[in-house]
């Protein structure tokens, strides 16, 4: 009997089409959304440490395997997240993320606020807010979002008054409308401020700097009211926002287990977002 090669080729072609259609009907997407091996951008700071000590174990109980990939800075961390080399990071607030998306044409989204280390006024040469005097010198971070939060905190202390028409998230030194003590502000890189604290009467430092410089957070003379856009966030690529693993990550940050960890280990470092644990069971 003569073998019908034409008929066989038609059958094989049909099988290939069926396989492609089957994959397109959710098989491939489901696998990606339900994956159990994740990679995150890791930094030497409080947020990665909190994740590894308290959040990662919650996810491991659900069968996840999570690996940290060391990053030199937040910009690099966002670039690799945007390009899909990692799955998530926990190192930035909304203001930074939105700026990255705008300038780098990124596609990052925030899933949920997470515990945040507030900025504070810390002692320099002086150790009490009541010691404020004319001409005192204050060190202030020089990057835009942290500069704004520093001046907002100085206003909270009652030392300056900012233009009420200005958004607190974007204020600069030029928006100070009252400075009764004639305070002198030196804006510099956040990382350098702890090392020169004795050159200033007071210093303004953010949470990650407090942590990395091993400064006791209890020594803060005043801490900020963390504005919504400055709350740290769990951030993923937009295409993954509805993946099951992303939902499980967000749930871990609202879990009873994390609440219990912070109840035992928060020495004043962490600000807990409102309603963070309202549904914790």
Protein backbone atom coordinates (compact mmCIF):
# COMPACT_ATOMS: atom_id res chain seq x y z
CA UNK A 1 0.00 0.00 0.00
CA UNK A 2 1.38 3.39 -0.96
CA UNK A 3 2.01 5.71 2.04
CA UNK A 4 0.12 9.02 1.81
CA UNK A 5 2.71 11.66 2.79
CA UNK A 6 0.36 14.49 1.89
CA UNK A 7 -2.28 13.24 4.31
CA UNK A 8 0.31 12.90 7.07
CA UNK A 9 1.56 16.44 6.57
CA UNK A 10 -2.00 17.75 6.90
CA UNK A 11 -2.48 15.84 10.16
CA UNK A 12 0.81 17.10 11.60
CA UNK A 13 -0.02 20.67 10.65
CA UNK A 14 -3.36 20.34 12.40
CA UNK A 15 -1.69 19.06 15.56
CA UNK A 16 0.72 22.01 15.57
CA UNK A 17 -2.16 24.49 15.25
CA UNK A 18 -3.98 22.75 18.10
CA UNK A 19 -0.90 22.97 20.31
CA UNK A 20 -0.50 26.70 19.63
CA UNK A 21 -4.16 27.36 20.35
CA UNK A 22 -4.03 25.34 23.55
CA UNK A 23 -1.08 27.39 24.78
CA UNK A 24 -2.86 30.61 23.85
CA UNK A 25 -5.94 29.62 25.81
CA UNK A 26 -4.23 30.27 29.10
CA UNK A 27 -1.76 27.45 29.59
CA UNK A 28 1.33 29.65 29.16
CA UNK A 29 -0.09 32.67 31.00
CA UNK A 30 -1.34 30.55 33.87
CA UNK A 31 2.10 29.03 34.30
CA UNK A 32 3.74 32.46 34.37
CA UNK A 33 1.17 33.87 36.79
CA UNK A 34 1.39 30.90 39.13
CA UNK A 35 5.16 30.50 39.15
CA UNK A 36 6.78 29.71 42.47
CA UNK A 37 10.36 30.88 41.88
CA UNK A 38 10.78 34.64 42.25
CA UNK A 39 13.67 37.10 42.19
CA UNK A 40 13.72 40.52 43.83
CA UNK A 41 16.06 43.52 43.77
CA UNK A 42 17.98 43.47 47.03
CA UNK A 43 19.71 46.40 48.73
CA UNK A 44 21.70 46.90 51.90
CA UNK A 45 18.92 48.55 53.84
CA UNK A 46 15.97 48.06 56.19
CA UNK A 47 13.38 47.17 53.55
CA UNK A 48 15.21 44.20 52.05
CA UNK A 49 16.09 43.05 55.55
CA UNK A 50 12.47 43.24 56.72
CA UNK A 51 11.42 41.31 53.64
CA UNK A 52 13.98 38.56 54.16
CA UNK A 53 13.45 38.22 57.89
CA UNK A 54 9.68 38.54 58.13
CA UNK A 55 7.93 38.38 54.75
CA UNK A 56 9.95 35.78 52.86
CA UNK A 57 9.27 33.02 55.45
CA UNK A 58 5.51 33.60 55.03
CA UNK A 59 5.82 33.03 51.30
CA UNK A 60 8.13 30.04 51.68
CA UNK A 61 5.39 28.32 53.66
CA UNK A 62 3.25 28.66 50.52
CA UNK A 63 5.88 26.93 48.44
CA UNK A 64 7.72 29.93 47.03
CA UNK A 65 11.45 30.02 46.46
CA UNK A 66 12.73 33.61 46.52
CA UNK A 67 16.19 34.82 45.59
CA UNK A 68 17.64 38.29 46.12
CA UNK A 69 19.67 39.96 43.39
CA UNK A 70 22.03 42.62 44.77
CA UNK A 71 21.64 46.09 43.27
CA UNK A 72 23.99 49.04 43.61
CA UNK A 73 21.22 51.65 43.61
CA UNK A 74 17.48 52.09 43.17
CA UNK A 75 17.72 53.27 39.57
CA UNK A 76 19.43 50.03 38.59
CA UNK A 77 16.83 48.09 40.58
CA UNK A 78 14.01 49.73 38.66
CA UNK A 79 15.68 49.23 35.29
CA UNK A 80 16.02 45.46 35.79
CA UNK A 81 12.46 45.27 37.13
CA UNK A 82 11.15 47.14 34.12
CA UNK A 83 13.10 44.83 31.80
CA UNK A 84 11.86 41.69 33.53
CA UNK A 85 15.15 40.48 35.02
CA UNK A 86 13.59 40.53 38.50
CA UNK A 87 9.99 40.20 39.65
CA UNK A 88 9.60 42.88 42.34
CA UNK A 89 11.30 45.32 44.70
CA UNK A 90 10.44 46.88 48.06
CA UNK A 91 12.76 49.91 48.13
CA UNK A 92 10.83 52.90 46.80
CA UNK A 93 7.94 55.21 47.43
CA UNK A 94 5.32 56.26 44.89
CA UNK A 95 7.01 59.58 44.19
CA UNK A 96 10.22 57.87 43.08
CA UNK A 97 8.39 55.21 41.06
CA UNK A 98 6.31 57.76 39.17
CA UNK A 99 9.41 59.80 38.41
CA UNK A 100 11.13 56.67 37.07
CA UNK A 101 8.15 55.79 34.87
CA UNK A 102 8.08 59.31 33.46
CA UNK A 103 11.79 59.70 32.79
CA UNK A 104 12.59 56.11 31.77
CA UNK A 105 9.27 55.28 30.06
CA UNK A 106 8.79 52.58 32.67
CA UNK A 107 5.81 50.36 33.39
CA UNK A 108 6.04 49.87 37.13
CA UNK A 109 3.05 49.76 39.47
CA UNK A 110 2.69 49.80 43.25
CA UNK A 111 0.63 46.97 44.75
CA UNK A 112 0.46 48.03 48.39
CA UNK A 113 2.09 50.36 50.92
CA UNK A 114 4.51 48.63 53.27
CA UNK A 115 6.07 49.53 56.65
CA UNK A 116 8.19 52.65 56.18
CA UNK A 117 11.05 54.24 58.10
CA UNK A 118 10.22 57.94 58.54
CA UNK A 119 12.61 60.83 58.10
CA UNK A 120 13.53 62.72 61.24
CA UNK A 121 15.32 65.62 62.83
CA UNK A 122 18.34 64.17 64.64
CA UNK A 123 20.86 65.76 67.00
CA UNK A 124 23.94 67.45 65.68
CA UNK A 125 25.72 69.70 68.13
CA UNK A 126 22.39 70.20 69.90
CA UNK A 127 20.24 67.51 71.48
CA UNK A 128 16.93 69.22 72.12
CA UNK A 129 14.50 71.00 69.81
CA UNK A 130 14.07 73.72 72.42
CA UNK A 131 17.72 74.71 71.95
CA UNK A 132 16.99 76.16 68.52
CA UNK A 133 18.58 79.60 68.17
CA UNK A 134 19.16 82.31 65.61
CA UNK A 135 21.55 81.31 62.84
CA UNK A 136 21.56 77.57 63.63
CA UNK A 137 22.88 75.41 60.81
CA UNK A 138 20.89 72.44 59.55
CA UNK A 139 21.94 69.71 57.10
CA UNK A 140 19.24 68.73 54.59
CA UNK A 141 19.19 65.99 51.90
CA UNK A 142 19.67 67.40 48.41
CA UNK A 143 17.57 64.96 46.31
CA UNK A 144 14.18 66.39 45.36
CA UNK A 145 11.71 64.14 47.20
CA UNK A 146 13.76 64.03 50.40
CA UNK A 147 14.48 67.75 50.32
CA UNK A 148 10.74 68.42 50.25
CA UNK A 149 10.01 66.07 53.15
CA UNK A 150 12.81 67.72 55.16
CA UNK A 151 11.32 71.20 54.81
CA UNK A 152 7.86 69.82 55.58
CA UNK A 153 9.29 68.35 58.79
CA UNK A 154 10.99 71.64 59.69
CA UNK A 155 7.60 73.28 59.32
CA UNK A 156 6.09 70.63 61.62
CA UNK A 157 8.76 71.57 64.19
CA UNK A 158 7.53 75.16 63.99
CA UNK A 159 10.88 76.49 62.82
CA UNK A 160 9.81 77.68 59.39
CA UNK A 161 6.62 78.35 57.46
CA UNK A 162 6.16 77.19 53.86
CA UNK A 163 4.05 78.78 51.16
CA UNK A 164 0.58 77.26 51.81
CA UNK A 165 -0.15 77.35 48.08
CA UNK A 166 2.66 74.88 47.39
CA UNK A 167 2.35 71.09 47.39
CA UNK A 168 4.34 69.69 50.32
CA UNK A 169 5.66 66.92 48.08
CA UNK A 170 7.53 69.40 45.89
CA UNK A 171 8.54 72.28 48.18
CA UNK A 172 12.06 73.67 48.07
CA UNK A 173 14.04 76.15 50.14
CA UNK A 174 12.65 78.91 47.92
CA UNK A 175 9.14 78.12 49.22
CA UNK A 176 10.03 79.16 52.79
CA UNK A 177 8.00 82.28 53.52
CA UNK A 178 8.92 82.64 57.19
CA UNK A 179 12.25 81.81 58.86
CA UNK A 180 12.16 83.69 62.19
CA UNK A 181 15.38 82.12 63.49
CA UNK A 182 17.25 82.86 60.27
CA UNK A 183 18.24 79.21 60.05
CA UNK A 184 20.92 78.28 57.53
CA UNK A 185 20.32 75.18 55.42
CA UNK A 186 23.04 73.17 53.70
CA UNK A 187 21.72 70.69 51.15
CA UNK A 188 23.95 67.66 50.57
CA UNK A 189 23.87 63.99 49.67
CA UNK A 190 21.92 62.00 52.25
CA UNK A 191 24.69 59.44 52.67
CA UNK A 192 27.19 62.07 53.78
CA UNK A 193 25.03 63.73 56.44
CA UNK A 194 25.62 61.33 59.39
CA UNK A 195 29.39 61.69 58.98
CA UNK A 196 29.28 65.48 59.38
CA UNK A 197 26.60 65.70 62.06
CA UNK A 198 28.95 67.46 64.49
CA UNK A 199 29.38 70.28 61.98
CA UNK A 200 25.69 71.16 62.26
CA UNK A 201 23.29 72.02 65.04
CA UNK A 202 20.68 69.58 63.69
CA UNK A 203 20.56 67.11 60.81
CA UNK A 204 17.69 65.86 58.67
CA UNK A 205 17.99 62.21 57.64
CA UNK A 206 15.69 59.67 56.03
CA UNK A 207 14.89 56.21 57.28
CA UNK A 208 17.28 54.16 55.18
CA UNK A 209 20.14 56.48 56.15
CA UNK A 210 19.24 56.12 59.83
CA UNK A 211 19.42 52.35 59.41
CA UNK A 212 22.61 52.16 57.36
CA UNK A 213 24.45 54.63 59.61
CA UNK A 214 23.40 52.51 62.63
CA UNK A 215 21.80 55.50 64.30
CA UNK A 216 19.35 54.62 67.07
CA UNK A 217 15.91 55.68 65.72
CA UNK A 218 14.85 56.47 69.29
CA UNK A 219 17.26 59.43 69.25
CA UNK A 220 15.10 61.25 66.70
CA UNK A 221 14.00 64.60 68.09
CA UNK A 222 11.00 64.67 65.75
CA UNK A 223 9.78 62.38 62.96
CA UNK A 224 7.69 63.22 59.93
CA UNK A 225 4.05 62.49 59.33
CA UNK A 226 4.66 60.17 56.39
CA UNK A 227 2.73 61.56 53.43
CA UNK A 228 0.99 58.98 51.19
CA UNK A 229 3.37 59.49 48.27
CA UNK A 230 6.34 58.78 50.58
CA UNK A 231 5.09 55.44 51.89
CA UNK A 232 7.32 52.61 50.68
CA UNK A 233 5.65 50.27 48.23
CA UNK A 234 5.71 46.71 46.94
CA UNK A 235 6.42 47.34 43.24
CA UNK A 236 6.08 45.05 40.21
CA UNK A 237 6.01 45.35 36.45
CA UNK A 238 2.52 46.32 35.31
CA UNK A 239 2.14 43.12 33.28
CA UNK A 240 2.42 41.08 36.49
CA UNK A 241 0.10 43.06 38.76
CA UNK A 242 -2.68 40.43 38.58
CA UNK A 243 -0.43 37.35 38.83
CA UNK A 244 -1.18 35.03 41.73
CA UNK A 245 2.35 35.39 43.08
CA UNK A 246 1.93 39.18 43.16
CA UNK A 247 -1.31 38.81 45.11
CA UNK A 248 0.40 36.45 47.55
CA UNK A 249 3.24 38.94 48.04
CA UNK A 250 0.80 41.74 48.84
CA UNK A 251 -1.15 39.49 51.20
CA UNK A 252 2.03 38.65 53.12
CA UNK A 253 2.54 42.35 53.88
CA UNK A 254 -0.95 42.45 55.42
CA UNK A 255 -0.66 39.19 57.31
CA UNK A 256 -1.00 38.33 60.97
CA UNK A 257 2.52 36.87 60.88
CA UNK A 258 4.09 40.19 59.82
CA UNK A 259 2.06 42.08 62.41
CA UNK A 260 3.32 39.74 65.15
CA UNK A 261 6.91 40.17 63.91
CA UNK A 262 6.68 43.96 64.03
CA UNK A 263 4.98 43.92 67.43
CA UNK A 264 8.05 42.13 68.76
CA UNK A 265 10.80 43.82 66.75
CA UNK A 266 9.79 47.42 66.05
CA UNK A 267 12.11 49.53 68.19
CA UNK A 268 10.72 52.78 66.85
CA UNK A 269 12.24 52.37 63.39
CA UNK A 270 9.03 51.52 61.52
CA UNK A 271 5.98 53.58 60.68
CA UNK A 272 3.06 51.26 59.96
CA UNK A 273 0.69 52.51 57.23
CA UNK A 274 -2.91 53.03 58.27
CA UNK A 275 -5.03 49.88 57.88
CA UNK A 276 -1.95 47.78 57.12
CA UNK A 277 -3.22 44.98 59.32
CA UNK A 278 -6.93 45.67 59.53
CA UNK A 279 -7.76 42.31 57.94
CA UNK A 280 -4.91 40.35 59.53
CA UNK A 281 -6.14 36.98 60.75
